[in-house]
C-alpha atoms as a PDB file:
ATOM      1  CA  UNK A   1      92.206  62.143  93.376  1.00  0.00           C
ATOM      2  CA  UNK A   2      92.642  65.981  92.702  1.00  0.00           C
ATOM      3  CA  UNK A   3      91.220  67.412  89.566  1.00  0.00           C
ATOM      4  CA  UNK A   4      93.516  69.075  87.308  1.00  0.00           C
ATOM      5  CA  UNK A   5      93.618  70.683  83.986  1.00  0.00           C
ATOM      6  CA  UNK A   6      95.899  73.045  81.861  1.00  0.00           C
ATOM      7  CA  UNK A   7      94.882  75.722  79.331  1.00  0.00           C
ATOM      8  CA  UNK A   8      96.868  76.322  76.353  1.00  0.00           C
ATOM      9  CA  UNK A   9      99.571  79.192  77.305  1.00  0.00           C
ATOM     10  CA  UNK A  10      98.986  82.640  75.900  1.00  0.00           C
ATOM     11  CA  UNK A  11     101.781  83.927  73.448  1.00  0.00           C
ATOM     12  CA  UNK A  12     101.345  87.489  74.409  1.00  0.00           C
ATOM     13  CA  UNK A  13     104.238  89.344  75.853  1.00  0.00           C
ATOM     14  CA  UNK A  14     102.080  91.314  78.363  1.00  0.00           C
ATOM     15  CA  UNK A  15      99.210  90.496  80.457  1.00  0.00           C
ATOM     16  CA  UNK A  16      96.145  92.396  80.745  1.00  0.00           C
ATOM     17  CA  UNK A  17      92.332  91.938  81.928  1.00  0.00           C
ATOM     18  CA  UNK A  18      89.163  93.606  81.412  1.00  0.00           C
ATOM     19  CA  UNK A  19      87.173  94.155  84.612  1.00  0.00           C
ATOM     20  CA  UNK A  20      83.795  95.276  85.369  1.00  0.00           C
ATOM     21  CA  UNK A  21      81.374  95.204  88.519  1.00  0.00           C
ATOM     22  CA  UNK A  22      82.955  95.946  92.010  1.00  0.00           C
ATOM     23  CA  UNK A  23      86.211  95.524  90.880  1.00  0.00           C
ATOM     24  CA  UNK A  24      86.145  98.313  88.463  1.00  0.00           C
ATOM     25  CA  UNK A  25      86.378 100.874  91.347  1.00  0.00           C
ATOM     26  CA  UNK A  26      90.030  99.709  91.929  1.00  0.00           C
ATOM     27  CA  UNK A  27      93.449  99.616  90.199  1.00  0.00           C
ATOM     28  CA  UNK A  28      92.504 102.000  87.107  1.00  0.00           C
ATOM     29  CA  UNK A  29      90.052 103.158  89.660  1.00  0.00           C
ATOM     30  CA  UNK A  30      88.798 106.272  87.776  1.00  0.00           C
ATOM     31  CA  UNK A  31      86.165 103.914  86.517  1.00  0.00           C
ATOM     32  CA  UNK A  32      82.793 103.794  88.330  1.00  0.00           C
ATOM     33  CA  UNK A  33      81.396 100.797  90.139  1.00  0.00           C
ATOM     34  CA  UNK A  34      79.205  99.934  87.129  1.00  0.00           C
ATOM     35  CA  UNK A  35      81.741 100.488  84.460  1.00  0.00           C
ATOM     36  CA  UNK A  36      84.710  98.943  83.247  1.00  0.00           C
ATOM     37  CA  UNK A  37      88.675  99.308  83.307  1.00  0.00           C
ATOM     38  CA  UNK A  38      91.503  97.580  81.722  1.00  0.00           C
ATOM     39  CA  UNK A  39      94.047  96.272  84.144  1.00  0.00           C
ATOM     40  CA  UNK A  40      97.798  95.382  83.427  1.00  0.00           C
ATOM     41  CA  UNK A  41      99.342  92.860  85.108  1.00  0.00           C
ATOM     42  CA  UNK A  42     102.506  93.984  87.483  1.00  0.00           C
ATOM     43  CA  UNK A  43     105.982  93.457  86.029  1.00  0.00           C
ATOM     44  CA  UNK A  44     108.652  92.201  87.958  1.00  0.00           C
ATOM     45  CA  UNK A  45     110.008  95.545  88.329  1.00  0.00           C
ATOM     46  CA  UNK A  46     107.148  96.455  90.257  1.00  0.00           C
ATOM     47  CA  UNK A  47     107.667  93.313  92.538  1.00  0.00           C
ATOM     48  CA  UNK A  48     110.979  94.651  93.156  1.00  0.00           C
ATOM     49  CA  UNK A  49     109.771  98.185  94.040  1.00  0.00           C
ATOM     50  CA  UNK A  50     107.162  96.356  96.228  1.00  0.00           C
ATOM     51  CA  UNK A  51     110.017  94.667  97.987  1.00  0.00           C
ATOM     52  CA  UNK A  52     112.242  97.958  98.432  1.00  0.00           C
ATOM     53  CA  UNK A  53     108.986  99.488 100.093  1.00  0.00           C
ATOM     54  CA  UNK A  54     107.880  96.549 102.202  1.00  0.00           C
ATOM     55  CA  UNK A  55     111.389  96.357 103.675  1.00  0.00           C
ATOM     56  CA  UNK A  56     110.514  99.681 105.803  1.00  0.00           C
ATOM     57  CA  UNK A  57     107.568  97.938 107.360  1.00  0.00           C
ATOM     58  CA  UNK A  58     108.187  94.210 107.358  1.00  0.00           C
ATOM     59  CA  UNK A  59     110.977  91.885 108.059  1.00  0.00           C
ATOM     60  CA  UNK A  60     111.249  88.650 105.770  1.00  0.00           C
ATOM     61  CA  UNK A  61     109.345  85.689 107.079  1.00  0.00           C
ATOM     62  CA  UNK A  62     110.863  82.216 107.764  1.00  0.00           C
ATOM     63  CA  UNK A  63     111.260  79.417 105.006  1.00  0.00           C
ATOM     64  CA  UNK A  64     112.036  76.437 106.674  1.00  0.00           C
ATOM     65  CA  UNK A  65     112.027  72.880 106.046  1.00  0.00           C
ATOM     66  CA  UNK A  66     111.232  70.237 108.707  1.00  0.00           C
ATOM     67  CA  UNK A  67     112.782  66.413 108.525  1.00  0.00           C
ATOM     68  CA  UNK A  68     109.367  64.749 110.176  1.00  0.00           C
ATOM     69  CA  UNK A  69     107.268  66.591 107.405  1.00  0.00           C
ATOM     70  CA  UNK A  70     109.819  65.804 104.836  1.00  0.00           C
ATOM     71  CA  UNK A  71     109.518  61.819 105.732  1.00  0.00           C
ATOM     72  CA  UNK A  72     105.785  62.177 105.714  1.00  0.00           C
ATOM     73  CA  UNK A  73     105.579  63.777 102.095  1.00  0.00           C
ATOM     74  CA  UNK A  74     108.608  61.820 100.611  1.00  0.00           C
ATOM     75  CA  UNK A  75     109.913  65.318  99.494  1.00  0.00           C
ATOM     76  CA  UNK A  76     111.906  68.044 100.838  1.00  0.00           C
ATOM     77  CA  UNK A  77     109.332  70.684 101.485  1.00  0.00           C
ATOM     78  CA  UNK A  78     110.159  74.449 102.132  1.00  0.00           C
ATOM     79  CA  UNK A  79     107.251  76.271 104.021  1.00  0.00           C
ATOM     80  CA  UNK A  80     107.200  80.276 103.673  1.00  0.00           C
ATOM     81  CA  UNK A  81     105.760  81.057 107.015  1.00  0.00           C
ATOM     82  CA  UNK A  82     103.451  83.860 106.049  1.00  0.00           C
ATOM     83  CA  UNK A  83     101.626  82.869 109.219  1.00  0.00           C
ATOM     84  CA  UNK A  84     104.295  84.701 110.981  1.00  0.00           C
ATOM     85  CA  UNK A  85     103.190  88.133 109.340  1.00  0.00           C
ATOM     86  CA  UNK A  86     101.970  90.970 111.931  1.00  0.00           C
ATOM     87  CA  UNK A  87      98.424  89.995 110.919  1.00  0.00           C
ATOM     88  CA  UNK A  88      98.929  86.509 110.454  1.00  0.00           C
ATOM     89  CA  UNK A  89      98.623  86.317 106.780  1.00  0.00           C
ATOM     90  CA  UNK A  90     100.356  87.251 103.397  1.00  0.00           C
ATOM     91  CA  UNK A  91      98.158  89.614 102.300  1.00  0.00           C
ATOM     92  CA  UNK A  92      99.485  92.289 104.494  1.00  0.00           C
ATOM     93  CA  UNK A  93     102.389  92.826 101.731  1.00  0.00           C
ATOM     94  CA  UNK A  94      99.717  93.823  99.143  1.00  0.00           C
ATOM     95  CA  UNK A  95      97.999  96.261 101.513  1.00  0.00           C
ATOM     96  CA  UNK A  96     100.955  98.028 102.522  1.00  0.00           C
ATOM     97  CA  UNK A  97     102.008  98.112  98.839  1.00  0.00           C
ATOM     98  CA  UNK A  98      98.680  99.761  97.810  1.00  0.00           C
ATOM     99  CA  UNK A  99      98.393 102.110 100.510  1.00  0.00           C
ATOM    100  CA  UNK A 100     101.626 103.272  99.991  1.00  0.00           C
ATOM    101  CA  UNK A 101     100.707 104.115  96.215  1.00  0.00           C
ATOM    102  CA  UNK A 102      97.641 106.411  97.011  1.00  0.00           C
ATOM    103  CA  UNK A 103      97.777 110.097  97.053  1.00  0.00           C
ATOM    104  CA  UNK A 104      97.694 112.033 100.452  1.00  0.00           C
ATOM    105  CA  UNK A 105      94.413 113.503  99.395  1.00  0.00           C
ATOM    106  CA  UNK A 106      92.903 109.794  98.321  1.00  0.00           C
ATOM    107  CA  UNK A 107      94.308 108.515 101.609  1.00  0.00           C
ATOM    108  CA  UNK A 108      92.377 111.412 103.583  1.00  0.00           C
ATOM    109  CA  UNK A 109      88.987 110.174 102.090  1.00  0.00           C
ATOM    110  CA  UNK A 110      89.929 106.578 103.136  1.00  0.00           C
ATOM    111  CA  UNK A 111      89.705 103.195 101.691  1.00  0.00           C
ATOM    112  CA  UNK A 112      86.972 100.524 101.850  1.00  0.00           C
ATOM    113  CA  UNK A 113      87.342  96.528 101.364  1.00  0.00           C
ATOM    114  CA  UNK A 114      85.306  93.374 101.532  1.00  0.00           C
ATOM    115  CA  UNK A 115      86.816  90.362 102.890  1.00  0.00           C
ATOM    116  CA  UNK A 116      86.152  87.030 105.017  1.00  0.00           C
ATOM    117  CA  UNK A 117      89.078  87.960 106.904  1.00  0.00           C
ATOM    118  CA  UNK A 118      92.704  88.188 105.998  1.00  0.00           C
ATOM    119  CA  UNK A 119      92.137  90.970 103.197  1.00  0.00           C
ATOM    120  CA  UNK A 120      90.402  93.037 105.668  1.00  0.00           C
ATOM    121  CA  UNK A 121      93.265  92.834 108.225  1.00  0.00           C
ATOM    122  CA  UNK A 122      95.618  93.631 105.399  1.00  0.00           C
ATOM    123  CA  UNK A 123      93.911  96.718 104.291  1.00  0.00           C
ATOM    124  CA  UNK A 124      93.131  97.654 107.925  1.00  0.00           C
ATOM    125  CA  UNK A 125      96.455  97.455 109.004  1.00  0.00           C
ATOM    126  CA  UNK A 126      98.094  99.013 105.929  1.00  0.00           C
ATOM    127  CA  UNK A 127      95.320 101.910 106.482  1.00  0.00           C
ATOM    128  CA  UNK A 128      96.393 102.305 110.044  1.00  0.00           C
ATOM    129  CA  UNK A 129     100.101 102.727 109.153  1.00  0.00           C
ATOM    130  CA  UNK A 130      99.397 105.323 106.916  1.00  0.00           C
ATOM    131  CA  UNK A 131      96.695 107.275 108.848  1.00  0.00           C
ATOM    132  CA  UNK A 132      93.942 106.502 106.514  1.00  0.00           C
ATOM    133  CA  UNK A 133      90.243 106.010 107.453  1.00  0.00           C
ATOM    134  CA  UNK A 134      89.174 102.307 106.644  1.00  0.00           C
ATOM    135  CA  UNK A 135      85.593 100.661 106.497  1.00  0.00           C
ATOM    136  CA  UNK A 136      85.881  96.802 106.306  1.00  0.00           C
ATOM    137  CA  UNK A 137      82.644  94.782 104.994  1.00  0.00           C
ATOM    138  CA  UNK A 138      82.510  91.205 106.175  1.00  0.00           C
ATOM    139  CA  UNK A 139      79.771  88.769 106.438  1.00  0.00           C
ATOM    140  CA  UNK A 140      77.278  88.424 109.185  1.00  0.00           C
ATOM    141  CA  UNK A 141      78.933  85.114 110.172  1.00  0.00           C
ATOM    142  CA  UNK A 142      82.414  86.317 110.156  1.00  0.00           C
ATOM    143  CA  UNK A 143      85.309  84.560 111.853  1.00  0.00           C
ATOM    144  CA  UNK A 144      85.279  86.277 115.629  1.00  0.00           C
ATOM    145  CA  UNK A 145      89.031  86.344 115.694  1.00  0.00           C
ATOM    146  CA  UNK A 146      89.310  87.832 112.399  1.00  0.00           C
ATOM    147  CA  UNK A 147      86.680  90.468 113.018  1.00  0.00           C
ATOM    148  CA  UNK A 148      88.260  91.267 116.247  1.00  0.00           C
ATOM    149  CA  UNK A 149      91.484  92.162 114.900  1.00  0.00           C
ATOM    150  CA  UNK A 150      89.715  94.222 112.189  1.00  0.00           C
ATOM    151  CA  UNK A 151      88.233  96.292 115.165  1.00  0.00           C
ATOM    152  CA  UNK A 152      91.442  96.476 117.054  1.00  0.00           C
ATOM    153  CA  UNK A 153      93.368  97.906 113.955  1.00  0.00           C
ATOM    154  CA  UNK A 154      90.974 100.935 114.202  1.00  0.00           C
ATOM    155  CA  UNK A 155      88.842 100.072 111.008  1.00  0.00           C
ATOM    156  CA  UNK A 156      85.052 100.601 111.132  1.00  0.00           C
ATOM    157  CA  UNK A 157      83.353  97.027 110.742  1.00  0.00           C
ATOM    158  CA  UNK A 158      80.121  96.617 108.857  1.00  0.00           C
ATOM    159  CA  UNK A 159      78.995  92.962 109.175  1.00  0.00           C
ATOM    160  CA  UNK A 160      76.510  92.713 106.358  1.00  0.00           C
ATOM    161  CA  UNK A 161      75.867  90.138 103.947  1.00  0.00           C
ATOM    162  CA  UNK A 162      75.470  86.274 103.879  1.00  0.00           C
ATOM    163  CA  UNK A 163      78.683  85.449 102.066  1.00  0.00           C
ATOM    164  CA  UNK A 164      82.167  87.115 100.774  1.00  0.00           C
ATOM    165  CA  UNK A 165      80.586  87.918  97.103  1.00  0.00           C
ATOM    166  CA  UNK A 166      77.877  89.764  98.380  1.00  0.00           C
ATOM    167  CA  UNK A 167      80.011  91.761 100.661  1.00  0.00           C
ATOM    168  CA  UNK A 168      82.008  92.969  97.566  1.00  0.00           C
ATOM    169  CA  UNK A 169      79.346  94.551  95.955  1.00  0.00           C
ATOM    170  CA  UNK A 170      78.298  96.195  99.263  1.00  0.00           C
ATOM    171  CA  UNK A 171      81.997  97.437  99.646  1.00  0.00           C
ATOM    172  CA  UNK A 172      82.045  98.800  96.267  1.00  0.00           C
ATOM    173  CA  UNK A 173      78.835 100.723  96.650  1.00  0.00           C
ATOM    174  CA  UNK A 174      80.191 102.263  99.789  1.00  0.00           C
ATOM    175  CA  UNK A 175      83.297 103.369  98.035  1.00  0.00           C
ATOM    176  CA  UNK A 176      81.092 104.723  95.038  1.00  0.00           C
ATOM    177  CA  UNK A 177      79.060 106.956  97.325  1.00  0.00           C
ATOM    178  CA  UNK A 178      81.618 108.203  99.626  1.00  0.00           C
ATOM    179  CA  UNK A 179      84.822 108.519  97.532  1.00  0.00           C
ATOM    180  CA  UNK A 180      86.615 105.984  99.612  1.00  0.00           C
ATOM    181  CA  UNK A 181      89.089 103.866  97.424  1.00  0.00           C
ATOM    182  CA  UNK A 182      87.664 100.380  96.986  1.00  0.00           C
ATOM    183  CA  UNK A 183      90.424  97.856  97.482  1.00  0.00           C
ATOM    184  CA  UNK A 184      89.419  94.791  95.335  1.00  0.00           C
ATOM    185  CA  UNK A 185      90.731  91.651  96.752  1.00  0.00           C
ATOM    186  CA  UNK A 186      91.787  90.254  93.293  1.00  0.00           C
ATOM    187  CA  UNK A 187      91.760  92.832  90.540  1.00  0.00           C
ATOM    188  CA  UNK A 188      94.465  95.232  91.950  1.00  0.00           C
ATOM    189  CA  UNK A 189      98.022  95.187  90.606  1.00  0.00           C
ATOM    190  CA  UNK A 190      99.614  96.873  93.488  1.00  0.00           C
ATOM    191  CA  UNK A 191      98.102  93.930  95.652  1.00  0.00           C
ATOM    192  CA  UNK A 192      99.553  91.279  93.416  1.00  0.00           C
ATOM    193  CA  UNK A 193     102.903  93.133  93.224  1.00  0.00           C
ATOM    194  CA  UNK A 194     103.003  93.202  97.160  1.00  0.00           C
ATOM    195  CA  UNK A 195     102.075  89.731  97.634  1.00  0.00           C
ATOM    196  CA  UNK A 196     104.635  88.631  94.965  1.00  0.00           C
ATOM    197  CA  UNK A 197     107.371  89.432  97.196  1.00  0.00           C
ATOM    198  CA  UNK A 198     106.608  86.509  99.406  1.00  0.00           C
ATOM    199  CA  UNK A 199     107.712  83.878  96.682  1.00  0.00           C
ATOM    200  CA  UNK A 200     110.495  86.012  95.778  1.00  0.00           C
ATOM    201  CA  UNK A 201     111.791  85.878  99.360  1.00  0.00           C
ATOM    202  CA  UNK A 202     111.215  81.837  99.351  1.00  0.00           C
ATOM    203  CA  UNK A 203     113.331  81.642  95.804  1.00  0.00           C
ATOM    204  CA  UNK A 204     116.113  83.660  97.620  1.00  0.00           C
ATOM    205  CA  UNK A 205     116.285  80.973 100.384  1.00  0.00           C
ATOM    206  CA  UNK A 206     115.507  77.960  98.018  1.00  0.00           C
ATOM    207  CA  UNK A 207     116.205  78.860  94.597  1.00  0.00           C
ATOM    208  CA  UNK A 208     116.082  75.290  93.209  1.00  0.00           C
ATOM    209  CA  UNK A 209     112.711  74.402  93.910  1.00  0.00           C
ATOM    210  CA  UNK A 210     110.951  72.058  91.394  1.00  0.00           C
ATOM    211  CA  UNK A 211     107.678  73.248  92.287  1.00  0.00           C
ATOM    212  CA  UNK A 212     105.818  75.897  94.441  1.00  0.00           C
ATOM    213  CA  UNK A 213     102.263  75.238  95.598  1.00  0.00           C
ATOM    214  CA  UNK A 214     100.292  78.035  96.532  1.00  0.00           C
ATOM    215  CA  UNK A 215      96.384  78.313  97.805  1.00  0.00           C
ATOM    216  CA  UNK A 216      94.016  80.162  95.486  1.00  0.00           C
ATOM    217  CA  UNK A 217      91.025  82.321  96.686  1.00  0.00           C
ATOM    218  CA  UNK A 218      91.116  85.459  94.651  1.00  0.00           C
ATOM    219  CA  UNK A 219      94.581  84.197  92.964  1.00  0.00           C
ATOM    220  CA  UNK A 220      96.577  87.065  93.818  1.00  0.00           C
ATOM    221  CA  UNK A 221      99.137  84.996  95.662  1.00  0.00           C
ATOM    222  CA  UNK A 222      99.352  82.406  92.892  1.00  0.00           C
ATOM    223  CA  UNK A 223      99.727  85.116  90.082  1.00  0.00           C
ATOM    224  CA  UNK A 224     102.342  87.097  92.226  1.00  0.00           C
ATOM    225  CA  UNK A 225     104.134  83.882  92.589  1.00  0.00           C
ATOM    226  CA  UNK A 226     104.213  83.214  88.918  1.00  0.00           C
ATOM    227  CA  UNK A 227     105.594  86.614  88.120  1.00  0.00           C
ATOM    228  CA  UNK A 228     108.285  86.226  90.492  1.00  0.00           C
ATOM    229  CA  UNK A 229     109.027  82.517  89.411  1.00  0.00           C
ATOM    230  CA  UNK A 230     109.281  83.608  85.884  1.00  0.00           C
ATOM    231  CA  UNK A 231     111.973  86.291  86.573  1.00  0.00           C
ATOM    232  CA  UNK A 232     114.175  84.312  89.157  1.00  0.00           C
ATOM    233  CA  UNK A 233     113.195  80.627  89.204  1.00  0.00           C
ATOM    234  CA  UNK A 234     111.947  79.703  85.625  1.00  0.00           C
ATOM    235  CA  UNK A 235     112.537  75.831  86.142  1.00  0.00           C
ATOM    236  CA  UNK A 236     110.077  76.049  89.158  1.00  0.00           C
ATOM    237  CA  UNK A 237     106.423  74.769  88.392  1.00  0.00           C
ATOM    238  CA  UNK A 238     103.922  77.074  90.285  1.00  0.00           C
ATOM    239  CA  UNK A 239     100.762  74.960  91.040  1.00  0.00           C
ATOM    240  CA  UNK A 240      97.642  76.473  92.235  1.00  0.00           C
ATOM    241  CA  UNK A 241      95.569  74.754  94.767  1.00  0.00           C
ATOM    242  CA  UNK A 242      91.831  75.560  95.387  1.00  0.00           C
ATOM    243  CA  UNK A 243      88.873  73.836  97.360  1.00  0.00           C
ATOM    244  CA  UNK A 244      86.855  71.513  95.465  1.00  0.00           C
ATOM    245  CA  UNK A 245      83.848  72.992  97.409  1.00  0.00           C
ATOM    246  CA  UNK A 246      84.459  76.352  95.860  1.00  0.00           C
ATOM    247  CA  UNK A 247      85.969  75.836  92.453  1.00  0.00           C
ATOM    248  CA  UNK A 248      84.982  78.938  90.621  1.00  0.00           C
ATOM    249  CA  UNK A 249      88.900  79.892  89.907  1.00  0.00           C
ATOM    250  CA  UNK A 250      89.963  76.543  88.732  1.00  0.00           C
ATOM    251  CA  UNK A 251      86.745  76.386  86.358  1.00  0.00           C
ATOM    252  CA  UNK A 252      87.616  79.771  84.866  1.00  0.00           C
ATOM    253  CA  UNK A 253      91.200  78.662  84.458  1.00  0.00           C
ATOM    254  CA  UNK A 254      90.284  75.598  82.630  1.00  0.00           C
ATOM    255  CA  UNK A 255      87.294  76.911  80.342  1.00  0.00           C
ATOM    256  CA  UNK A 256      89.271  80.201  79.878  1.00  0.00           C
ATOM    257  CA  UNK A 257      86.398  82.410  80.472  1.00  0.00           C
ATOM    258  CA  UNK A 258      85.074  83.697  83.880  1.00  0.00           C
ATOM    259  CA  UNK A 259      82.566  81.457  85.363  1.00  0.00           C
ATOM    260  CA  UNK A 260      80.593  81.575  88.745  1.00  0.00           C
ATOM    261  CA  UNK A 261      80.198  78.502  91.091  1.00  0.00           C
ATOM    262  CA  UNK A 262      78.643  77.442  94.006  1.00  0.00           C
ATOM    263  CA  UNK A 263      80.605  78.180  97.222  1.00  0.00           C
ATOM    264  CA  UNK A 264      80.140  75.500  99.672  1.00  0.00           C
ATOM    265  CA  UNK A 265      83.580  75.393 101.423  1.00  0.00           C
ATOM    266  CA  UNK A 266      84.223  75.978 104.962  1.00  0.00           C
ATOM    267  CA  UNK A 267      87.826  77.316 104.292  1.00  0.00           C
ATOM    268  CA  UNK A 268      87.261  81.012 104.693  1.00  0.00           C
ATOM    269  CA  UNK A 269      90.411  82.107 102.717  1.00  0.00           C
ATOM    270  CA  UNK A 270      89.373  80.088  99.757  1.00  0.00           C
ATOM    271  CA  UNK A 271      85.566  80.889  99.948  1.00  0.00           C
ATOM    272  CA  UNK A 272      84.534  82.465  96.640  1.00  0.00           C
ATOM    273  CA  UNK A 273      82.172  81.763  94.028  1.00  0.00           C
ATOM    274  CA  UNK A 274      83.552  84.292  91.652  1.00  0.00           C
ATOM    275  CA  UNK A 275      86.770  84.534  89.552  1.00  0.00           C
ATOM    276  CA  UNK A 276      88.933  87.700  89.507  1.00  0.00           C
ATOM    277  CA  UNK A 277      89.757  88.833  85.961  1.00  0.00           C
ATOM    278  CA  UNK A 278      93.469  89.969  86.552  1.00  0.00           C
ATOM    279  CA  UNK A 279      94.996  87.270  88.590  1.00  0.00           C
ATOM    280  CA  UNK A 280      92.901  84.735  85.888  1.00  0.00           C
ATOM    281  CA  UNK A 281      94.921  86.312  83.248  1.00  0.00           C
ATOM    282  CA  UNK A 282      98.049  85.770  84.783  1.00  0.00           C
ATOM    283  CA  UNK A 283      97.397  82.457  85.728  1.00  0.00           C
ATOM    284  CA  UNK A 284      96.575  81.519  82.167  1.00  0.00           C
ATOM    285  CA  UNK A 285      99.822  82.620  81.021  1.00  0.00           C
ATOM    286  CA  UNK A 286     102.172  81.430  83.661  1.00  0.00           C
ATOM    287  CA  UNK A 287     100.454  79.073  86.022  1.00  0.00           C
ATOM    288  CA  UNK A 288     101.753  75.397  85.234  1.00  0.00           C
ATOM    289  CA  UNK A 289      98.875  73.632  86.963  1.00  0.00           C
ATOM    290  CA  UNK A 290      95.871  73.899  89.071  1.00  0.00           C
ATOM    291  CA  UNK A 291      94.159  71.342  91.280  1.00  0.00           C
ATOM    292  CA  UNK A 292      91.300  70.717  93.463  1.00  0.00           C
ATOM    293  CA  UNK A 293      91.302  69.341  96.963  1.00  0.00           C
ATOM    294  CA  UNK A 294      88.607  68.477  99.176  1.00  0.00           C
ATOM    295  CA  UNK A 295      88.115  70.495 102.597  1.00  0.00           C
ATOM    296  CA  UNK A 296      88.571  67.186 104.367  1.00  0.00           C
ATOM    297  CA  UNK A 297      92.046  66.840 102.946  1.00  0.00           C
ATOM    298  CA  UNK A 298      92.953  70.668 103.811  1.00  0.00           C
ATOM    299  CA  UNK A 299      91.935  70.125 107.446  1.00  0.00           C
ATOM    300  CA  UNK A 300      94.139  66.613 107.415  1.00  0.00           C
ATOM    301  CA  UNK A 301      97.063  68.862 106.068  1.00  0.00           C
ATOM    302  CA  UNK A 302      96.542  71.474 108.934  1.00  0.00           C
ATOM    303  CA  UNK A 303      96.710  68.767 111.509  1.00  0.00           C
ATOM    304  CA  UNK A 304      99.884  67.190 109.733  1.00  0.00           C
ATOM    305  CA  UNK A 305     101.343  70.731 110.186  1.00  0.00           C
ATOM    306  CA  UNK A 306     100.738  71.004 113.700  1.00  0.00           C
ATOM    307  CA  UNK A 307     102.482  67.647 114.519  1.00  0.00           C
ATOM    308  CA  UNK A 308     105.343  67.705 112.085  1.00  0.00           C
ATOM    309  CA  UNK A 309     106.206  71.293 111.452  1.00  0.00           C
ATOM    310  CA  UNK A 310     105.348  72.978 114.676  1.00  0.00           C
ATOM    311  CA  UNK A 311     102.743  75.252 112.571  1.00  0.00           C
ATOM    312  CA  UNK A 312      99.500  76.451 113.172  1.00  0.00           C
ATOM    313  CA  UNK A 313      98.039  77.019 109.745  1.00  0.00           C
ATOM    314  CA  UNK A 314      94.255  78.195 109.038  1.00  0.00           C
ATOM    315  CA  UNK A 315      92.673  76.198 106.303  1.00  0.00           C
ATOM    316  CA  UNK A 316      93.691  78.438 103.184  1.00  0.00           C
ATOM    317  CA  UNK A 317      97.405  78.271 104.906  1.00  0.00           C
ATOM    318  CA  UNK A 318      97.411  74.422 104.731  1.00  0.00           C
ATOM    319  CA  UNK A 319      95.966  74.092 101.135  1.00  0.00           C
ATOM    320  CA  UNK A 320      98.953  74.082  99.446  1.00  0.00           C
ATOM    321  CA  UNK A 321     100.711  71.248 101.664  1.00  0.00           C
ATOM    322  CA  UNK A 322      97.362  69.556 100.781  1.00  0.00           C
ATOM    323  CA  UNK A 323      98.213  69.756  97.100  1.00  0.00           C
ATOM    324  CA  UNK A 324     101.735  68.405  97.479  1.00  0.00           C
ATOM    325  CA  UNK A 325     100.122  65.449  99.356  1.00  0.00           C
ATOM    326  CA  UNK A 326      97.795  65.105  96.547  1.00  0.00           C
ATOM    327  CA  UNK A 327     100.766  64.980  94.186  1.00  0.00           C
ATOM    328  CA  UNK A 328     103.137  62.839  96.269  1.00  0.00           C
ATOM    329  CA  UNK A 329     104.011  60.147  94.001  1.00  0.00           C
ATOM    330  CA  UNK A 330     104.692  62.953  91.106  1.00  0.00           C
ATOM    331  CA  UNK A 331     107.049  65.255  93.307  1.00  0.00           C
ATOM    332  CA  UNK A 332     108.687  62.240  95.435  1.00  0.00           C
ATOM    333  CA  UNK A 333     112.302  62.891  96.195  1.00  0.00           C
ATOM    334  CA  UNK A 334     112.237  66.572  94.768  1.00  0.00           C
ATOM    335  CA  UNK A 335     112.070  70.142  96.462  1.00  0.00           C
ATOM    336  CA  UNK A 336     109.058  71.647  96.565  1.00  0.00           C
ATOM    337  CA  UNK A 337     107.731  74.914  98.192  1.00  0.00           C
ATOM    338  CA  UNK A 338     104.304  75.623  99.865  1.00  0.00           C
ATOM    339  CA  UNK A 339     103.083  79.051 100.673  1.00  0.00           C
ATOM    340  CA  UNK A 340     101.499  78.997 104.090  1.00  0.00           C
ATOM    341  CA  UNK A 341      99.303  81.742 103.688  1.00  0.00           C
ATOM    342  CA  UNK A 342      97.994  82.332 107.015  1.00  0.00           C
ATOM    343  CA  UNK A 343      97.478  81.257 110.664  1.00  0.00           C
ATOM    344  CA  UNK A 344      94.460  82.880 111.746  1.00  0.00           C
ATOM    345  CA  UNK A 345      92.478  79.767 113.118  1.00  0.00           C
ATOM    346  CA  UNK A 346      89.074  80.154 115.193  1.00  0.00           C
ATOM    347  CA  UNK A 347      88.425  78.065 117.791  1.00  0.00           C
ATOM    348  CA  UNK A 348      85.647  76.217 115.889  1.00  0.00           C
ATOM    349  CA  UNK A 349      88.137  75.579 113.099  1.00  0.00           C
ATOM    350  CA  UNK A 350      90.754  74.158 115.661  1.00  0.00           C
ATOM    351  CA  UNK A 351      88.172  71.800 116.719  1.00  0.00           C
ATOM    352  CA  UNK A 352      87.690  70.110 113.196  1.00  0.00           C
ATOM    353  CA  UNK A 353      91.311  70.224 112.498  1.00  0.00           C
ATOM    354  CA  UNK A 354      92.178  68.183 115.972  1.00  0.00           C
ATOM    355  CA  UNK A 355      89.596  65.525 115.265  1.00  0.00           C
ATOM    356  CA  UNK A 356      91.104  65.294 111.116  1.00  0.00           C
ATOM    357  CA  UNK A 357      92.472  62.195 110.091  1.00  0.00           C
ATOM    358  CA  UNK A 358      95.945  62.548 109.189  1.00  0.00           C
ATOM    359  CA  UNK A 359      97.321  61.899 105.731  1.00  0.00           C
ATOM    360  CA  UNK A 360      98.064  58.298 105.102  1.00  0.00           C
END
């Protein structure tokens, strides 16, 4: 059974977070890497502005429902196909929105980011679109599919560090020493406003969803979905899903304070041992529920998507469906949405998926 808990909602009318460490070089970004900055959550007007900007760069991704999948789940499931983005993941929305906000002078100096893959491709794609130099730091054992994509997009790729959290510190140091804008993967309001447009598009197609399940790594996708849901679909319960093998965001949300936890997941897009202060602040205010699922359950959901929805999803992209399956009885007969956040599957991952046991 999944683990779940819900903190008491804040009564504050606005949401803000204090951040320190690597994230302090983003967003409010006059702070140094060792200083601190106060970050404010984007308003829904920021999401609308992001949608206007993104219309010149991206077409809306499909949102479809599949009879075979509905029958398997026992509910009407709307899949938001962010795996259809040009970089194969939803994060490109945030990257483009962020690069568009930088001054010409800052773009000329460039940007730097750390990622296990999809955030890297997002920033690299956006930097190429706006003619900005880009450096990406990825773990030494990075997914070769994602690493090749970063290089193909023209970014300088630095393979250094054993895991994402170490890469994050390295990227922040590069930004501090070169003047490149460090694009943190979580504590960045422009990223959150950009990715929030995915949920907004889904609500336009399926406005009466009872629940929307969203995978959580850094938490930008879930926090963005919360902002859009509050504005246009307040009846919809936004539910976050994270790997039980990397529960830092879940434990931070539950306890109300940032905690580090062991990061043992094989699901790249959910792989972090730290939480991110700005998404956490938004989720504590607006997220209805949060659950953990095992990596094996995520692989099973990936296999189900292949057969029942003609969809190749990476692990993070199938985590939301794994969450629905874990709550099958609670949402039986209801309308639920899932964000298929990405489809960048390596050959090694595909081997695991094809041998996974289908959900019962």
